[in-house]
Every structure is written in structure tokens, then in C-alpha cells.
């Protein structure tokens, strides 16, 4: 498994529901749903490069990893209209609880979302997760520079922490939404945008002290500290089964990576900002079922030396030289509402 598939396109499903709230308003303040996420990662070998340049790393193998998880959600919505004006009459306060289960982890979460005006939303939440190893996939592990890696024939490897530590986070997010059909009514006038910014503290309860990297759900290079995530979505919504076609841009990184990571890892550029560009297709099957499909092109650190696995950046203390683009994954997310 690679990084956790917080497929931001799912936010698209949520904001689409907000835009159509008047038509699809639930009879009960309660809502329940189950979301199944799956991702396939082809292999893309890392390429070396000189400083100041960027390049694209082609696909070099059929398989690099798979990812799978199921998340159950229960929510309760309280209407808080500020008046009869269209911008504030549908204001809402929503409380929700999630329970995420993957082959190597489980993580309950609590959150709250407030819509003070039709196109603006604020939310906050927290989660905590336990993890274990399964068929060679490490659920949660800390980096040990002295542990010998049999595959790489070098010292430096992740030491598993099954039920010995827990991953947790707390986050705050603001989002702006716009639908052209709100200004120019019509079933075929839904040119929509969704823009969000999230500030989040993420860490593990033990094993990440003193700037030591860690791994969660098979994905490494993680660190205790404050992080940011920004999402920008531009799409077109239609009254057919293929409800939405869109393009998504994602930006993420550490606020202060050189403070969070120990000094011995600074040559690997801990303040690197990850960037992803993703075409998105959203299929709606009635009012209760939706399938989101994402094709993601991402960027990652590039070094002066070629290497095969990302954790070698910690083993050899590789020198950062720039950005490398590659095709990251195909992701599917199916949501069923009750």
C-alpha cells in the first residue's frame, strides 16, 4: 500500500451534495454512508537529474502497490438559517463520526462542519489509528538507521510497531465553492469550482521523537509536525449518469520540514511541496450511489543519484536536485448512502 487514499475527489461528492441540497434535502437529520476506496499503483523507477531541472519518469513496471479501505460515516445535521436570503437560509451545522478499516489499520474519527453562507464551509476534526503488519505490508513503523535491510543489503530500515504506537491527527479546513448555475440557472450550466485549504498536525505517539521519520499504511517519509493540504477543483456537472468531469490540483507538505526532520535528513529537502494533477470522473447512480474515478499524475523529490525505493533517501542521505513527475495511481471510490 502507498499513501493513505484520502482521495480529495470525495470532497467533490460532498460539495455536489451541498449545491443540490434543496433538491436532495434528507427527511431525517441523520445521514449514513459507506465509502470503499481502491487504488492501483504502477511501477515508475526513479531517475537521477542535475540541479535546477525537472523531468518525467516513465512507467517501468506493471505493479508497485495496491491500496484498499472501507469507511463508514454517520452524520447529524442541524439547520441554522441566518435569514430568508438564498445565501444564508440553508446554513447547516453537521457533526459526524467515521470509522476507517484497511487490511493493516483501523482509525475512528470525529468532525464538525459549518456552512455559514452558501459558498463557504469550515470544518475541523481529529482521528486516531492503530495498525499491524499483513502479508508483508507494514501498518505502522519507525525508521531505524541501524537496522539492516536484507533486500537493499544496507543498514537502515523501518521497524514495525504493531499496536505499540498509534497515528493521530487534528485538522482545520476552510473551503470555497461556486456553481455557475446559481447565477445562470439551468441543468447544463453547472460549471463548478471547489477550493480548500487544510492545516493539520499529524504524528505518532511513540517512535517519531527527535525528528525521526515513520511509516503508516505502507507509506513512509512521514514525520511528526504541522502540515498543509490545498485542493483546487474545476469541473462541469451534467444531468446524466456521468455527472461530473473535472480536473483537480493538490498541494501538500510540511510547514517547517527542516525543523520537523532531524538535521541528518536535510539534504533530502524536507520542505519539498508535493504536487498532483488529476483528471476526475464522477458517476451518479440514482440518489444513493456515486463512483469517483481519479487518474493521478504526481511529483516527488529527485536526487543526483538514481535509487529504487524512497526510503533510500534516508539510508544514503541523497542530495536533492529538483522535482520529478510520474504517473502515480488509478483510484476508485464508491460511496453508498443510506
Foldseek 3Di string as FASTA:
>chain_A
DADDPPPCCVVVVVLVCLVCCVVDPDPAQKWKKKKKKKWFWAAFFADFDFFPDEEATEGDGGHDDMWIKMKIKMKGKDADAPDDDPFGRRWIKMKMKMWMDTPWKIKIKIKIKTRRTSFKIKMKIKMKMFTQDDPHAAAKWWKDQQCADPVVRFGIDTDGQHVNKMKMKIKIKMKGKDFQCVVVPDQQRGWMKMKMKMKMFIDMPDRQPPQTWMDHRRYTPHHGAIKMKIKIKTWTAHPAQQGIKIKMKMKMAGPCQCVGHHVLLCQQPRRDIKIKIWIWTWGDDPDFKIKIKIWIKIKDWHFNDTDGDPSVCVNVVTGTRDIYIYGTIIMMMMMGMD
